[in-house]
Structures are given as C-alpha cells and as structure tokens.
Amino acid sequence: MSETVLDLKHLACPLPVLRANRALRGMEAGERLRVLATDAASVGDFKIYCRETGHVLVSWSEEAGVYSFTIRRRPGD
C-alpha cells in the first residue's frame, strides 16, 4: 500500500494537524499518511487528533528534531 508524505516542517501548532486533516479528507479509508513536523507540540496534538477523529496513529518517532507520524485513515466516510 502506498503512503502519502506531507512535509510540514517549520509550521507551528495547529497548522500541522489542520493540514494533515485536509489531506486525510481526500484519502480513501485505510490509506496511510506520513506527516513530518518540527513542532514538539505536534506529538500531543496528533495523539489527541487521532483519538477524537477515529484515525489510527500507527506510529510516531523523532530524529534530529523532526517528528514523523504515520496515520491510517479511518474506515467509513
């Protein structure tokens, strides 16, 4: 399965989550989105966002100040 990458480095909260939300709305159920961000607040933001929307935060990691989030689009709508 392919993965869409969204480079949102150097954007401050809440822009990474808002842009990821826009991208996920255009994706099919089950597709994956990988988001790259540098805002440390994005860790909590994406955990809460996925919990509240039903998308799955498959994984997240940090390397050299860049956070990588893999999100699987929720089934349905």
PDB file of N, CA and C in Angstrom:
ATOM      1  N   MET A   1       0.843  -1.172   0.000  1.00  0.00           N
ATOM      2  CA  MET A   1       0.000   0.000   0.000  1.00  0.00           C
ATOM      3  C   MET A   1       0.888   1.235   0.000  1.00  0.00           C
ATOM      4  N   SER A   2       0.531   2.202  -0.778  1.00  0.00           N
ATOM      5  CA  SER A   2       1.337   3.415  -0.872  1.00  0.00           C
ATOM      6  C   SER A   2       1.097   4.315   0.332  1.00  0.00           C
ATOM      7  N   GLU A   3       2.020   5.213   0.519  1.00  0.00           N
ATOM      8  CA  GLU A   3       1.954   6.133   1.641  1.00  0.00           C
ATOM      9  C   GLU A   3       2.179   7.537   1.102  1.00  0.00           C
ATOM     10  N   THR A   4       1.322   8.456   1.477  1.00  0.00           N
ATOM     11  CA  THR A   4       1.473   9.854   1.099  1.00  0.00           C
ATOM     12  C   THR A   4       2.301  10.541   2.169  1.00  0.00           C
ATOM     13  N   VAL A   5       3.282  11.343   1.751  1.00  0.00           N
ATOM     14  CA  VAL A   5       4.124  12.065   2.705  1.00  0.00           C
ATOM     15  C   VAL A   5       3.780  13.542   2.636  1.00  0.00           C
ATOM     16  N   LEU A   6       3.577  14.127   3.802  1.00  0.00           N
ATOM     17  CA  LEU A   6       3.238  15.538   3.926  1.00  0.00           C
ATOM     18  C   LEU A   6       4.327  16.200   4.766  1.00  0.00           C
ATOM     19  N   ASP A   7       5.129  17.058   4.139  1.00  0.00           N
ATOM     20  CA  ASP A   7       6.233  17.733   4.825  1.00  0.00           C
ATOM     21  C   ASP A   7       5.722  19.042   5.417  1.00  0.00           C
ATOM     22  N   LEU A   8       5.559  19.049   6.728  1.00  0.00           N
ATOM     23  CA  LEU A   8       5.037  20.227   7.421  1.00  0.00           C
ATOM     24  C   LEU A   8       6.053  20.779   8.418  1.00  0.00           C
ATOM     25  N   LYS A   9       7.313  20.538   8.122  1.00  0.00           N
ATOM     26  CA  LYS A   9       8.371  21.042   8.992  1.00  0.00           C
ATOM     27  C   LYS A   9       8.324  22.570   9.034  1.00  0.00           C
ATOM     28  N   HIS A  10       8.636  23.116  10.192  1.00  0.00           N
ATOM     29  CA  HIS A  10       8.727  24.559  10.441  1.00  0.00           C
ATOM     30  C   HIS A  10       7.373  25.248  10.520  1.00  0.00           C
ATOM     31  N   LEU A  11       6.296  24.477  10.612  1.00  0.00           N
ATOM     32  CA  LEU A  11       4.977  25.070  10.837  1.00  0.00           C
ATOM     33  C   LEU A  11       4.618  24.889  12.310  1.00  0.00           C
ATOM     34  N   ALA A  12       4.047  25.920  12.906  1.00  0.00           N
ATOM     35  CA  ALA A  12       3.682  25.866  14.323  1.00  0.00           C
ATOM     36  C   ALA A  12       2.257  25.353  14.498  1.00  0.00           C
ATOM     37  N   CYS A  13       1.990  24.844  15.673  1.00  0.00           N
ATOM     38  CA  CYS A  13       0.669  24.390  16.077  1.00  0.00           C
ATOM     39  C   CYS A  13      -0.330  25.520  15.840  1.00  0.00           C
ATOM     40  N   PRO A  14      -1.470  25.254  15.307  1.00  0.00           N
ATOM     41  CA  PRO A  14      -2.092  23.971  14.984  1.00  0.00           C
ATOM     42  C   PRO A  14      -1.972  23.590  13.508  1.00  0.00           C
ATOM     43  N   LEU A  15      -1.139  24.295  12.754  1.00  0.00           N
ATOM     44  CA  LEU A  15      -1.086  24.067  11.299  1.00  0.00           C
ATOM     45  C   LEU A  15      -0.774  22.634  10.887  1.00  0.00           C
ATOM     46  N   PRO A  16       0.173  21.914  11.519  1.00  0.00           N
ATOM     47  CA  PRO A  16       0.405  20.534  11.076  1.00  0.00           C
ATOM     48  C   PRO A  16      -0.852  19.660  11.142  1.00  0.00           C
ATOM     49  N   VAL A  17      -1.605  19.759  12.224  1.00  0.00           N
ATOM     50  CA  VAL A  17      -2.818  18.950  12.354  1.00  0.00           C
ATOM     51  C   VAL A  17      -3.882  19.398  11.346  1.00  0.00           C
ATOM     52  N   LEU A  18      -4.039  20.692  11.167  1.00  0.00           N
ATOM     53  CA  LEU A  18      -5.040  21.191  10.219  1.00  0.00           C
ATOM     54  C   LEU A  18      -4.725  20.748   8.792  1.00  0.00           C
ATOM     55  N   ARG A  19      -3.469  20.822   8.409  1.00  0.00           N
ATOM     56  CA  ARG A  19      -3.094  20.405   7.042  1.00  0.00           C
ATOM     57  C   ARG A  19      -3.199  18.897   6.876  1.00  0.00           C
ATOM     58  N   ALA A  20      -2.843  18.141   7.910  1.00  0.00           N
ATOM     59  CA  ALA A  20      -2.993  16.685   7.848  1.00  0.00           C
ATOM     60  C   ALA A  20      -4.466  16.321   7.722  1.00  0.00           C
ATOM     61  N   ASN A  21      -5.318  17.014   8.454  1.00  0.00           N
ATOM     62  CA  ASN A  21      -6.761  16.767   8.385  1.00  0.00           C
ATOM     63  C   ASN A  21      -7.266  16.980   6.964  1.00  0.00           C
ATOM     64  N   ARG A  22      -6.841  18.045   6.344  1.00  0.00           N
ATOM     65  CA  ARG A  22      -7.250  18.332   4.963  1.00  0.00           C
ATOM     66  C   ARG A  22      -6.796  17.211   4.024  1.00  0.00           C
ATOM     67  N   ALA A  23      -5.565  16.751   4.201  1.00  0.00           N
ATOM     68  CA  ALA A  23      -5.041  15.676   3.344  1.00  0.00           C
ATOM     69  C   ALA A  23      -5.817  14.380   3.566  1.00  0.00           C
ATOM     70  N   LEU A  24      -6.097  14.047   4.821  1.00  0.00           N
ATOM     71  CA  LEU A  24      -6.806  12.805   5.130  1.00  0.00           C
ATOM     72  C   LEU A  24      -8.223  12.809   4.567  1.00  0.00           C
ATOM     73  N   ARG A  25      -8.868  13.952   4.527  1.00  0.00           N
ATOM     74  CA  ARG A  25     -10.226  14.024   3.962  1.00  0.00           C
ATOM     75  C   ARG A  25     -10.248  13.614   2.496  1.00  0.00           C
ATOM     76  N   GLY A  26      -9.137  13.802   1.784  1.00  0.00           N
ATOM     77  CA  GLY A  26      -9.073  13.447   0.371  1.00  0.00           C
ATOM     78  C   GLY A  26      -8.562  12.043   0.104  1.00  0.00           C
ATOM     79  N   MET A  27      -8.353  11.265   1.160  1.00  0.00           N
ATOM     80  CA  MET A  27      -7.805   9.920   1.015  1.00  0.00           C
ATOM     81  C   MET A  27      -8.889   8.871   1.221  1.00  0.00           C
ATOM     82  N   GLU A  28      -8.622   7.671   0.726  1.00  0.00           N
ATOM     83  CA  GLU A  28      -9.537   6.551   0.897  1.00  0.00           C
ATOM     84  C   GLU A  28      -9.318   5.899   2.258  1.00  0.00           C
ATOM     85  N   ALA A  29     -10.352   5.249   2.773  1.00  0.00           N
ATOM     86  CA  ALA A  29     -10.251   4.525   4.045  1.00  0.00           C
ATOM     87  C   ALA A  29      -9.095   3.531   3.988  1.00  0.00           C
ATOM     88  N   GLY A  30      -8.295   3.510   5.046  1.00  0.00           N
ATOM     89  CA  GLY A  30      -7.179   2.575   5.134  1.00  0.00           C
ATOM     90  C   GLY A  30      -5.871   3.091   4.560  1.00  0.00           C
ATOM     91  N   GLU A  31      -5.911   4.155   3.762  1.00  0.00           N
ATOM     92  CA  GLU A  31      -4.670   4.705   3.220  1.00  0.00           C
ATOM     93  C   GLU A  31      -3.857   5.346   4.334  1.00  0.00           C
ATOM     94  N   ARG A  32      -2.553   5.429   4.111  1.00  0.00           N
ATOM     95  CA  ARG A  32      -1.658   5.971   5.124  1.00  0.00           C
ATOM     96  C   ARG A  32      -1.095   7.323   4.720  1.00  0.00           C
ATOM     97  N   LEU A  33      -0.968   8.172   5.729  1.00  0.00           N
ATOM     98  CA  LEU A  33      -0.378   9.489   5.565  1.00  0.00           C
ATOM     99  C   LEU A  33       0.796   9.576   6.526  1.00  0.00           C
ATOM    100  N   ARG A  34       1.952   9.957   6.015  1.00  0.00           N
ATOM    101  CA  ARG A  34       3.099  10.200   6.892  1.00  0.00           C
ATOM    102  C   ARG A  34       3.321  11.694   6.950  1.00  0.00           C
ATOM    103  N   VAL A  35       3.343  12.229   8.153  1.00  0.00           N
ATOM    104  CA  VAL A  35       3.499  13.661   8.376  1.00  0.00           C
ATOM    105  C   VAL A  35       4.858  13.908   9.010  1.00  0.00           C
ATOM    106  N   LEU A  36       5.605  14.865   8.458  1.00  0.00           N
ATOM    107  CA  LEU A  36       6.879  15.297   9.027  1.00  0.00           C
ATOM    108  C   LEU A  36       6.674  16.675   9.627  1.00  0.00           C
ATOM    109  N   ALA A  37       7.039  16.841  10.894  1.00  0.00           N
ATOM    110  CA  ALA A  37       6.838  18.113  11.586  1.00  0.00           C
ATOM    111  C   ALA A  37       8.023  18.381  12.510  1.00  0.00           C
ATOM    112  N   THR A  38       8.217  19.649  12.846  1.00  0.00           N
ATOM    113  CA  THR A  38       9.289  20.016  13.762  1.00  0.00           C
ATOM    114  C   THR A  38       8.759  20.633  15.053  1.00  0.00           C
ATOM    115  N   ASP A  39       7.486  20.863  15.152  1.00  0.00           N
ATOM    116  CA  ASP A  39       6.881  21.436  16.350  1.00  0.00           C
ATOM    117  C   ASP A  39       6.696  20.331  17.386  1.00  0.00           C
ATOM    118  N   ALA A  40       7.377  20.452  18.536  1.00  0.00           N
ATOM    119  CA  ALA A  40       7.287  19.426  19.581  1.00  0.00           C
ATOM    120  C   ALA A  40       5.859  19.232  20.077  1.00  0.00           C
ATOM    121  N   ALA A  41       5.049  20.265  20.020  1.00  0.00           N
ATOM    122  CA  ALA A  41       3.653  20.163  20.455  1.00  0.00           C
ATOM    123  C   ALA A  41       2.845  19.237  19.549  1.00  0.00           C
ATOM    124  N   SER A  42       3.354  18.959  18.363  1.00  0.00           N
ATOM    125  CA  SER A  42       2.611  18.118  17.424  1.00  0.00           C
ATOM    126  C   SER A  42       2.456  16.686  17.938  1.00  0.00           C
ATOM    127  N   VAL A  43       3.334  16.241  18.823  1.00  0.00           N
ATOM    128  CA  VAL A  43       3.211  14.880  19.363  1.00  0.00           C
ATOM    129  C   VAL A  43       1.873  14.734  20.080  1.00  0.00           C
ATOM    130  N   GLY A  44       1.613  15.593  21.026  1.00  0.00           N
ATOM    131  CA  GLY A  44       0.331  15.548  21.735  1.00  0.00           C
ATOM    132  C   GLY A  44      -0.836  15.864  20.835  1.00  0.00           C
ATOM    133  N   ASP A  45      -0.631  16.820  19.932  1.00  0.00           N
ATOM    134  CA  ASP A  45      -1.710  17.218  19.024  1.00  0.00           C
ATOM    135  C   ASP A  45      -2.185  16.046  18.166  1.00  0.00           C
ATOM    136  N   PHE A  46      -1.239  15.289  17.596  1.00  0.00           N
ATOM    137  CA  PHE A  46      -1.637  14.180  16.725  1.00  0.00           C
ATOM    138  C   PHE A  46      -2.242  13.025  17.521  1.00  0.00           C
ATOM    139  N   LYS A  47      -1.771  12.788  18.734  1.00  0.00           N
ATOM    140  CA  LYS A  47      -2.380  11.743  19.566  1.00  0.00           C
ATOM    141  C   LYS A  47      -3.839  12.087  19.847  1.00  0.00           C
ATOM    142  N   ILE A  48      -4.100  13.307  20.245  1.00  0.00           N
ATOM    143  CA  ILE A  48      -5.471  13.744  20.543  1.00  0.00           C
ATOM    144  C   ILE A  48      -6.321  13.751  19.276  1.00  0.00           C
ATOM    145  N   TYR A  49      -5.765  14.276  18.188  1.00  0.00           N
ATOM    146  CA  TYR A  49      -6.493  14.347  16.918  1.00  0.00           C
ATOM    147  C   TYR A  49      -6.956  12.954  16.481  1.00  0.00           C
ATOM    148  N   CYS A  50      -6.049  11.980  16.520  1.00  0.00           N
ATOM    149  CA  CYS A  50      -6.412  10.631  16.083  1.00  0.00           C
ATOM    150  C   CYS A  50      -7.437  10.000  17.020  1.00  0.00           C
ATOM    151  N   ARG A  51      -7.275  10.203  18.302  1.00  0.00           N
ATOM    152  CA  ARG A  51      -8.232   9.651  19.261  1.00  0.00           C
ATOM    153  C   ARG A  51      -9.631  10.235  19.030  1.00  0.00           C
ATOM    154  N   GLU A  52      -9.704  11.517  18.736  1.00  0.00           N
ATOM    155  CA  GLU A  52     -11.002  12.177  18.581  1.00  0.00           C
ATOM    156  C   GLU A  52     -11.650  11.956  17.218  1.00  0.00           C
ATOM    157  N   THR A  53     -10.857  11.660  16.193  1.00  0.00           N
ATOM    158  CA  THR A  53     -11.413  11.517  14.847  1.00  0.00           C
ATOM    159  C   THR A  53     -11.591  10.074  14.395  1.00  0.00           C
ATOM    160  N   GLY A  54     -10.952   9.134  15.091  1.00  0.00           N
ATOM    161  CA  GLY A  54     -11.054   7.736  14.689  1.00  0.00           C
ATOM    162  C   GLY A  54      -9.977   7.285  13.729  1.00  0.00           C
ATOM    163  N   HIS A  55      -9.103   8.190  13.296  1.00  0.00           N
ATOM    164  CA  HIS A  55      -7.951   7.777  12.503  1.00  0.00           C
ATOM    165  C   HIS A  55      -6.991   7.042  13.434  1.00  0.00           C
ATOM    166  N   VAL A  56      -6.121   6.218  12.879  1.00  0.00           N
ATOM    167  CA  VAL A  56      -5.198   5.432  13.699  1.00  0.00           C
ATOM    168  C   VAL A  56      -3.799   6.014  13.592  1.00  0.00           C
ATOM    169  N   LEU A  57      -3.231   6.374  14.738  1.00  0.00           N
ATOM    170  CA  LEU A  57      -1.832   6.799  14.788  1.00  0.00           C
ATOM    171  C   LEU A  57      -1.017   5.518  14.855  1.00  0.00           C
ATOM    172  N   VAL A  58      -0.557   5.059  13.698  1.00  0.00           N
ATOM    173  CA  VAL A  58       0.144   3.785  13.584  1.00  0.00           C
ATOM    174  C   VAL A  58       1.479   3.850  14.317  1.00  0.00           C
ATOM    175  N   SER A  59       2.200   4.950  14.118  1.00  0.00           N
ATOM    176  CA  SER A  59       3.492   5.106  14.782  1.00  0.00           C
ATOM    177  C   SER A  59       3.910   6.565  14.745  1.00  0.00           C
ATOM    178  N   TRP A  60       4.841   6.883  15.629  1.00  0.00           N
ATOM    179  CA  TRP A  60       5.478   8.191  15.573  1.00  0.00           C
ATOM    180  C   TRP A  60       6.886   8.036  16.103  1.00  0.00           C
ATOM    181  N   SER A  61       7.772   8.887  15.618  1.00  0.00           N
ATOM    182  CA  SER A  61       9.165   8.854  16.053  1.00  0.00           C
ATOM    183  C   SER A  61       9.750  10.252  15.921  1.00  0.00           C
ATOM    184  N   GLU A  62      10.923  10.420  16.495  1.00  0.00           N
ATOM    185  CA  GLU A  62      11.629  11.701  16.414  1.00  0.00           C
ATOM    186  C   GLU A  62      13.088  11.427  16.127  1.00  0.00           C
ATOM    187  N   GLU A  63      13.637  12.165  15.186  1.00  0.00           N
ATOM    188  CA  GLU A  63      15.056  12.050  14.869  1.00  0.00           C
ATOM    189  C   GLU A  63      15.573  13.426  14.486  1.00  0.00           C
ATOM    190  N   ALA A  64      16.561  13.889  15.232  1.00  0.00           N
ATOM    191  CA  ALA A  64      17.204  15.185  14.973  1.00  0.00           C
ATOM    192  C   ALA A  64      16.184  16.325  14.920  1.00  0.00           C
ATOM    193  N   GLY A  65      15.194  16.281  15.801  1.00  0.00           N
ATOM    194  CA  GLY A  65      14.211  17.360  15.867  1.00  0.00           C
ATOM    195  C   GLY A  65      13.088  17.287  14.855  1.00  0.00           C
ATOM    196  N   VAL A  66      13.055  16.218  14.059  1.00  0.00           N
ATOM    197  CA  VAL A  66      11.969  16.038  13.085  1.00  0.00           C
ATOM    198  C   VAL A  66      11.091  14.884  13.567  1.00  0.00           C
ATOM    199  N   TYR A  67       9.826  15.180  13.738  1.00  0.00           N
ATOM    200  CA  TYR A  67       8.851  14.184  14.175  1.00  0.00           C
ATOM    201  C   TYR A  67       8.176  13.589  12.942  1.00  0.00           C
ATOM    202  N   SER A  68       8.039  12.280  12.964  1.00  0.00           N
ATOM    203  CA  SER A  68       7.396  11.570  11.864  1.00  0.00           C
ATOM    204  C   SER A  68       6.185  10.828  12.425  1.00  0.00           C
ATOM    205  N   PHE A  69       5.021  11.074  11.842  1.00  0.00           N
ATOM    206  CA  PHE A  69       3.775  10.446  12.277  1.00  0.00           C
ATOM    207  C   PHE A  69       3.196   9.656  11.106  1.00  0.00           C
ATOM    208  N   THR A  70       2.840   8.411  11.348  1.00  0.00           N
ATOM    209  CA  THR A  70       2.156   7.619  10.334  1.00  0.00           C
ATOM    210  C   THR A  70       0.721   7.426  10.806  1.00  0.00           C
ATOM    211  N   ILE A  71      -0.209   7.885   9.971  1.00  0.00           N
ATOM    212  CA  ILE A  71      -1.629   7.872  10.311  1.00  0.00           C
ATOM    213  C   ILE A  71      -2.374   7.072   9.252  1.00  0.00           C
ATOM    214  N   ARG A  72      -3.218   6.143   9.705  1.00  0.00           N
ATOM    215  CA  ARG A  72      -4.061   5.378   8.772  1.00  0.00           C
ATOM    216  C   ARG A  72      -5.466   5.967   8.823  1.00  0.00           C
ATOM    217  N   ARG A  73      -5.977   6.284   7.636  1.00  0.00           N
ATOM    218  CA  ARG A  73      -7.309   6.899   7.550  1.00  0.00           C
ATOM    219  C   ARG A  73      -8.373   5.940   8.057  1.00  0.00           C
ATOM    220  N   ARG A  74      -9.294   6.475   8.808  1.00  0.00           N
ATOM    221  CA  ARG A  74     -10.361   5.667   9.402  1.00  0.00           C
ATOM    222  C   ARG A  74     -11.271   5.095   8.316  1.00  0.00           C
ATOM    223  N   PRO A  75     -11.896   3.973   8.627  1.00  0.00           N
ATOM    224  CA  PRO A  75     -12.882   3.435   7.684  1.00  0.00           C
ATOM    225  C   PRO A  75     -14.140   4.296   7.681  1.00  0.00           C
ATOM    226  N   GLY A  76     -14.890   4.178   6.665  1.00  0.00           N
ATOM    227  CA  GLY A  76     -16.142   4.919   6.590  1.00  0.00           C
ATOM    228  C   GLY A  76     -16.013   6.151   5.723  1.00  0.00           C
ATOM    229  N   ASP A  77     -16.850   7.118   6.012  1.00  0.00           N
ATOM    230  CA  ASP A  77     -16.984   8.331   5.209  1.00  0.00           C
ATOM    231  C   ASP A  77     -15.797   8.517   4.345  1.00  0.00           C
TER     232      ASP A  77
END
